[in-house]
C-alpha cells in the first residue's frame, strides 16, 4: 500500500479550533474516502 503525506501549518492559537473541527467526522466522509480509493488515513497535529 502506498502511503501519501500532506502537511500544513495552522496559525498559532488555533490548535483548539483545529481539534474541535476534526473531532467529529462528517457522516458521509468515510464512504466518500473509500470510493476515492482511500483505505486508511490518519490526522496528526504536530506541536511546535
Protein backbone atom coordinates (compact mmCIF):
# COMPACT_ATOMS: atom_id res chain seq x y z
CA UNK A 1 0.00 0.00 0.00
CA UNK A 2 1.29 3.44 -0.90
CA UNK A 3 1.31 5.99 1.94
CA UNK A 4 0.98 9.66 0.98
CA UNK A 5 1.57 12.54 3.39
CA UNK A 6 0.41 16.13 3.34
CA UNK A 7 1.49 18.68 5.91
CA UNK A 8 0.27 22.18 6.54
CA UNK A 9 0.71 24.83 9.17
CA UNK A 10 -2.06 26.30 11.24
CA UNK A 11 -1.96 29.74 12.77
CA UNK A 12 -0.65 29.91 16.34
CA UNK A 13 -3.54 29.93 18.79
CA UNK A 14 -5.91 27.97 16.51
CA UNK A 15 -4.98 24.49 17.75
CA UNK A 16 -8.17 24.00 19.78
CA UNK A 17 -10.33 25.08 16.82
CA UNK A 18 -8.45 22.55 14.65
CA UNK A 19 -9.11 19.81 17.22
CA UNK A 20 -12.79 20.75 17.52
CA UNK A 21 -13.35 20.69 13.77
CA UNK A 22 -11.65 17.29 13.37
CA UNK A 23 -13.19 15.62 16.42
CA UNK A 24 -16.49 14.87 14.67
CA UNK A 25 -16.25 13.30 11.21
CA UNK A 26 -18.96 14.21 8.68
CA UNK A 27 -21.23 11.15 8.29
CA UNK A 28 -20.63 10.86 4.52
CA UNK A 29 -16.84 11.29 4.69
CA UNK A 30 -15.77 7.65 5.34
CA UNK A 31 -17.80 6.36 2.37
CA UNK A 32 -16.55 9.18 0.13
CA UNK A 33 -12.93 8.42 1.05
CA UNK A 34 -13.44 4.72 0.36
CA UNK A 35 -14.94 5.47 -3.07
CA UNK A 36 -11.90 7.66 -3.79
CA UNK A 37 -9.61 4.72 -3.00
CA UNK A 38 -8.50 5.77 0.49
CA UNK A 39 -8.46 2.69 2.68
CA UNK A 40 -6.74 4.10 5.74
CA UNK A 41 -5.94 7.65 6.75
CA UNK A 42 -4.63 9.47 9.79
CA UNK A 43 -4.54 13.05 11.02
CA UNK A 44 -1.77 14.30 13.27
CA UNK A 45 -1.31 17.61 14.99
CA UNK A 46 2.41 18.17 15.46
CA UNK A 47 3.41 20.52 18.24
CA UNK A 48 5.99 23.28 17.96
